[in-house]
Amino acid sequence: MRTAEETFRALLDSVCRLQNGDGSQVDVLAGFYAEETDVRHPMAPLGDTPLLGREALRRHFGAAGPPAPAGFRVEDVHVHRTDDPEVVVGEFTYRGDGDWAASSVIVLRVRDGVIVESRDYLDHLGLARARGRLGALCEALVSPRA
């Protein structure tokens, strides 16, 4: 069974593989999460929509869209252990060719080798810029919501 840190590192590896075009990682990524899980993105520019359950995560990863800009990778990985062996805090930077970077912090609770809770603090603007989606994000931010 994986530790919280091992799960975090394996998750990052699979995200990179998915972003570099390996669609088989959708199921691998979903498998890192418990059937009943609670994943939130508190800093999401359009508001946080909780992902509650493995199937919600499968749909989330499946909707990632086309591969990221060339050379998508994770660097500057730091894992901070806590007094609770189920909880780790991971800091890292997504980088890619074209000299872009997006810093991230994820707080994970891993029980029995799977993620049961996660709070993902990502640089959504940096990722949108890198993927050429900044204009669409800005448009969505100023559009009235139903």
C-alpha atoms as a PDB file:
ATOM      1  CA  MET A   1       0.000   0.000   0.000  1.00  0.00           C
ATOM      2  CA  ARG A   2       1.316   3.460  -0.924  1.00  0.00           C
ATOM      3  CA  THR A   3       2.081   6.091   1.672  1.00  0.00           C
ATOM      4  CA  ALA A   4       0.627   9.584   1.371  1.00  0.00           C
ATOM      5  CA  GLU A   5       3.907  10.842  -0.098  1.00  0.00           C
ATOM      6  CA  GLU A   6       4.146   7.965  -2.581  1.00  0.00           C
ATOM      7  CA  THR A   7       0.566   8.612  -3.668  1.00  0.00           C
ATOM      8  CA  PHE A   8       1.290  12.312  -4.159  1.00  0.00           C
ATOM      9  CA  ARG A   9       4.385  11.618  -6.266  1.00  0.00           C
ATOM     10  CA  ALA A  10       2.594   8.968  -8.367  1.00  0.00           C
ATOM     11  CA  LEU A  11      -0.293  11.405  -8.899  1.00  0.00           C
ATOM     12  CA  LEU A  12       2.086  14.068 -10.237  1.00  0.00           C
ATOM     13  CA  ASP A  13       3.693  11.544 -12.577  1.00  0.00           C
ATOM     14  CA  SER A  14       0.311  10.498 -14.000  1.00  0.00           C
ATOM     15  CA  VAL A  15      -0.824  14.112 -14.421  1.00  0.00           C
ATOM     16  CA  CYS A  16       2.315  14.780 -16.487  1.00  0.00           C
ATOM     17  CA  ARG A  17       1.698  11.709 -18.604  1.00  0.00           C
ATOM     18  CA  LEU A  18      -1.917  12.755 -19.223  1.00  0.00           C
ATOM     19  CA  GLN A  19      -0.934  16.322 -20.064  1.00  0.00           C
ATOM     20  CA  ASN A  20       1.653  14.997 -22.507  1.00  0.00           C
ATOM     21  CA  GLY A  21      -1.016  13.047 -24.387  1.00  0.00           C
ATOM     22  CA  ASP A  22      -1.295   9.654 -22.652  1.00  0.00           C
ATOM     23  CA  GLY A  23      -5.075   9.276 -22.429  1.00  0.00           C
ATOM     24  CA  SER A  24      -4.739   5.966 -20.568  1.00  0.00           C
ATOM     25  CA  GLN A  25      -3.827   8.006 -17.495  1.00  0.00           C
ATOM     26  CA  VAL A  26      -7.473   9.056 -16.963  1.00  0.00           C
ATOM     27  CA  ASP A  27      -8.234   5.686 -15.374  1.00  0.00           C
ATOM     28  CA  VAL A  28      -4.898   5.577 -13.564  1.00  0.00           C
ATOM     29  CA  LEU A  29      -5.567   9.000 -12.049  1.00  0.00           C
ATOM     30  CA  ALA A  30      -9.111   8.082 -11.029  1.00  0.00           C
ATOM     31  CA  GLY A  31      -7.673   5.018  -9.289  1.00  0.00           C
ATOM     32  CA  PHE A  32      -5.667   7.218  -6.926  1.00  0.00           C
ATOM     33  CA  TYR A  33      -8.940   8.394  -5.350  1.00  0.00           C
ATOM     34  CA  ALA A  34     -11.329   6.602  -3.000  1.00  0.00           C
ATOM     35  CA  GLU A  35     -14.840   5.777  -4.199  1.00  0.00           C
ATOM     36  CA  GLU A  36     -16.031   8.533  -1.869  1.00  0.00           C
ATOM     37  CA  THR A  37     -13.600  11.430  -1.915  1.00  0.00           C
ATOM     38  CA  ASP A  38     -13.772  15.191  -1.555  1.00  0.00           C
ATOM     39  CA  VAL A  39     -11.568  17.235  -3.880  1.00  0.00           C
ATOM     40  CA  ARG A  40     -11.777  21.006  -3.932  1.00  0.00           C
ATOM     41  CA  HIS A  41     -10.046  23.820  -5.805  1.00  0.00           C
ATOM     42  CA  PRO A  42     -10.577  26.812  -3.483  1.00  0.00           C
ATOM     43  CA  MET A  43      -8.695  29.214  -5.771  1.00  0.00           C
ATOM     44  CA  ALA A  44     -10.530  28.289  -9.001  1.00  0.00           C
ATOM     45  CA  PRO A  45     -11.310  31.557 -10.808  1.00  0.00           C
ATOM     46  CA  LEU A  46     -14.853  30.525 -11.737  1.00  0.00           C
ATOM     47  CA  GLY A  47     -15.612  29.140  -8.295  1.00  0.00           C
ATOM     48  CA  ASP A  48     -14.987  25.825  -6.655  1.00  0.00           C
ATOM     49  CA  THR A  49     -17.094  22.901  -7.809  1.00  0.00           C
ATOM     50  CA  PRO A  50     -16.351  20.019  -5.429  1.00  0.00           C
ATOM     51  CA  LEU A  51     -15.434  16.714  -7.033  1.00  0.00           C
ATOM     52  CA  LEU A  52     -17.106  14.129  -4.829  1.00  0.00           C
ATOM     53  CA  GLY A  53     -16.191  10.589  -5.745  1.00  0.00           C
ATOM     54  CA  ARG A  54     -13.955   8.610  -8.050  1.00  0.00           C
ATOM     55  CA  GLU A  55     -16.289   8.903 -11.040  1.00  0.00           C
ATOM     56  CA  ALA A  56     -16.360  12.705 -10.740  1.00  0.00           C
ATOM     57  CA  LEU A  57     -12.556  12.643 -10.820  1.00  0.00           C
ATOM     58  CA  ARG A  58     -12.586  10.324 -13.842  1.00  0.00           C
ATOM     59  CA  ARG A  59     -14.825  12.817 -15.698  1.00  0.00           C
ATOM     60  CA  HIS A  60     -12.626  15.723 -14.534  1.00  0.00           C
ATOM     61  CA  PHE A  61      -9.430  14.135 -15.840  1.00  0.00           C
ATOM     62  CA  GLY A  62     -11.189  12.945 -19.001  1.00  0.00           C
ATOM     63  CA  ALA A  63     -12.216  16.525 -19.765  1.00  0.00           C
ATOM     64  CA  ALA A  64      -8.625  17.764 -19.631  1.00  0.00           C
ATOM     65  CA  GLY A  65      -8.777  18.508 -23.339  1.00  0.00           C
ATOM     66  CA  PRO A  66      -5.932  18.315 -25.826  1.00  0.00           C
ATOM     67  CA  PRO A  67      -2.386  17.755 -24.619  1.00  0.00           C
ATOM     68  CA  ALA A  68      -0.714  20.632 -22.827  1.00  0.00           C
ATOM     69  CA  PRO A  69       2.016  22.724 -24.443  1.00  0.00           C
ATOM     70  CA  ALA A  70       5.141  20.770 -25.324  1.00  0.00           C
ATOM     71  CA  GLY A  71       7.355  19.622 -22.530  1.00  0.00           C
ATOM     72  CA  PHE A  72       4.760  19.689 -19.722  1.00  0.00           C
ATOM     73  CA  ARG A  73       6.552  18.640 -16.562  1.00  0.00           C
ATOM     74  CA  VAL A  74       6.611  18.984 -12.786  1.00  0.00           C
ATOM     75  CA  GLU A  75       9.616  20.520 -11.051  1.00  0.00           C
ATOM     76  CA  ASP A  76      10.616  21.883  -7.660  1.00  0.00           C
ATOM     77  CA  VAL A  77       8.689  19.174  -5.798  1.00  0.00           C
ATOM     78  CA  HIS A  78       8.714  19.499  -2.019  1.00  0.00           C
ATOM     79  CA  VAL A  79       6.760  17.249   0.312  1.00  0.00           C
ATOM     80  CA  HIS A  80       5.954  18.426   3.808  1.00  0.00           C
ATOM     81  CA  ARG A  81       4.939  15.730   6.245  1.00  0.00           C
ATOM     82  CA  THR A  82       2.545  16.535   9.059  1.00  0.00           C
ATOM     83  CA  ASP A  83       1.892  15.054  12.488  1.00  0.00           C
ATOM     84  CA  ASP A  84      -0.957  13.126  10.855  1.00  0.00           C
ATOM     85  CA  PRO A  85       0.521  10.267   8.759  1.00  0.00           C
ATOM     86  CA  GLU A  86      -2.481  10.460   6.396  1.00  0.00           C
ATOM     87  CA  VAL A  87      -1.781  14.100   5.468  1.00  0.00           C
ATOM     88  CA  VAL A  88       0.954  15.568   3.288  1.00  0.00           C
ATOM     89  CA  VAL A  89       1.385  19.001   1.782  1.00  0.00           C
ATOM     90  CA  GLY A  90       2.972  18.997  -1.645  1.00  0.00           C
ATOM     91  CA  GLU A  91       4.494  22.040  -3.317  1.00  0.00           C
ATOM     92  CA  PHE A  92       5.528  21.941  -6.955  1.00  0.00           C
ATOM     93  CA  THR A  93       5.689  23.893 -10.181  1.00  0.00           C
ATOM     94  CA  TYR A  94       4.189  22.892 -13.505  1.00  0.00           C
ATOM     95  CA  ARG A  95       6.524  23.969 -16.315  1.00  0.00           C
ATOM     96  CA  GLY A  96       6.659  23.601 -20.045  1.00  0.00           C
ATOM     97  CA  ASP A  97       8.481  24.654 -23.139  1.00  0.00           C
ATOM     98  CA  GLY A  98       7.916  28.304 -23.938  1.00  0.00           C
ATOM     99  CA  ASP A  99       9.187  29.422 -20.555  1.00  0.00           C
ATOM    100  CA  TRP A 100       5.930  29.229 -18.603  1.00  0.00           C
ATOM    101  CA  ALA A 101       5.391  28.111 -15.021  1.00  0.00           C
ATOM    102  CA  ALA A 102       2.443  27.607 -12.681  1.00  0.00           C
ATOM    103  CA  SER A 103       3.034  27.102  -8.964  1.00  0.00           C
ATOM    104  CA  SER A 104       0.846  24.730  -6.973  1.00  0.00           C
ATOM    105  CA  VAL A 105       0.234  23.479  -3.454  1.00  0.00           C
ATOM    106  CA  ILE A 106      -1.877  20.407  -2.724  1.00  0.00           C
ATOM    107  CA  VAL A 107      -2.951  19.174   0.687  1.00  0.00           C
ATOM    108  CA  LEU A 108      -3.805  15.462   0.535  1.00  0.00           C
ATOM    109  CA  ARG A 109      -5.362  13.046   3.000  1.00  0.00           C
ATOM    110  CA  VAL A 110      -4.517   9.496   1.967  1.00  0.00           C
ATOM    111  CA  ARG A 111      -6.111   6.529   3.696  1.00  0.00           C
ATOM    112  CA  ASP A 112      -5.406   2.918   2.763  1.00  0.00           C
ATOM    113  CA  GLY A 113      -3.365   4.098  -0.210  1.00  0.00           C
ATOM    114  CA  VAL A 114      -6.066   6.250  -1.846  1.00  0.00           C
ATOM    115  CA  ILE A 115      -6.912   9.935  -1.635  1.00  0.00           C
ATOM    116  CA  VAL A 116      -9.975  10.604   0.507  1.00  0.00           C
ATOM    117  CA  GLU A 117      -9.621  14.381   0.616  1.00  0.00           C
ATOM    118  CA  SER A 118      -7.676  16.981  -1.321  1.00  0.00           C
ATOM    119  CA  ARG A 119      -7.405  20.739  -1.440  1.00  0.00           C
ATOM    120  CA  ASP A 120      -5.661  21.878  -4.605  1.00  0.00           C
ATOM    121  CA  TYR A 121      -4.318  25.429  -4.687  1.00  0.00           C
ATOM    122  CA  LEU A 122      -3.235  25.824  -8.306  1.00  0.00           C
ATOM    123  CA  ASP A 123      -2.149  28.802 -10.356  1.00  0.00           C
ATOM    124  CA  HIS A 124      -5.169  28.570 -12.651  1.00  0.00           C
ATOM    125  CA  LEU A 125      -4.248  31.760 -14.494  1.00  0.00           C
ATOM    126  CA  GLY A 126      -0.755  30.465 -15.234  1.00  0.00           C
ATOM    127  CA  LEU A 127      -2.164  27.190 -16.535  1.00  0.00           C
ATOM    128  CA  ALA A 128      -4.753  28.990 -18.679  1.00  0.00           C
ATOM    129  CA  ARG A 129      -2.029  31.222 -20.107  1.00  0.00           C
ATOM    130  CA  ALA A 130       0.190  28.222 -20.889  1.00  0.00           C
ATOM    131  CA  ARG A 131      -2.651  26.381 -22.633  1.00  0.00           C
ATOM    132  CA  GLY A 132      -3.740  29.399 -24.665  1.00  0.00           C
ATOM    133  CA  ARG A 133      -7.034  29.640 -22.760  1.00  0.00           C
ATOM    134  CA  LEU A 134      -6.501  32.908 -20.916  1.00  0.00           C
ATOM    135  CA  GLY A 135      -8.818  34.865 -23.238  1.00  0.00           C
ATOM    136  CA  ALA A 136     -11.633  32.328 -22.786  1.00  0.00           C
ATOM    137  CA  LEU A 137     -11.142  32.393 -19.014  1.00  0.00           C
ATOM    138  CA  CYS A 138     -11.266  36.205 -18.925  1.00  0.00           C
ATOM    139  CA  GLU A 139     -14.418  36.154 -21.037  1.00  0.00           C
ATOM    140  CA  ALA A 140     -16.028  33.649 -18.660  1.00  0.00           C
ATOM    141  CA  LEU A 141     -15.047  35.805 -15.679  1.00  0.00           C
ATOM    142  CA  VAL A 142     -16.862  38.874 -17.018  1.00  0.00           C
ATOM    143  CA  SER A 143     -19.886  37.036 -18.437  1.00  0.00           C
ATOM    144  CA  PRO A 144     -22.996  37.032 -16.290  1.00  0.00           C
ATOM    145  CA  ARG A 145     -23.723  33.663 -14.776  1.00  0.00           C
ATOM    146  CA  ALA A 146     -27.117  32.046 -14.861  1.00  0.00           C
END
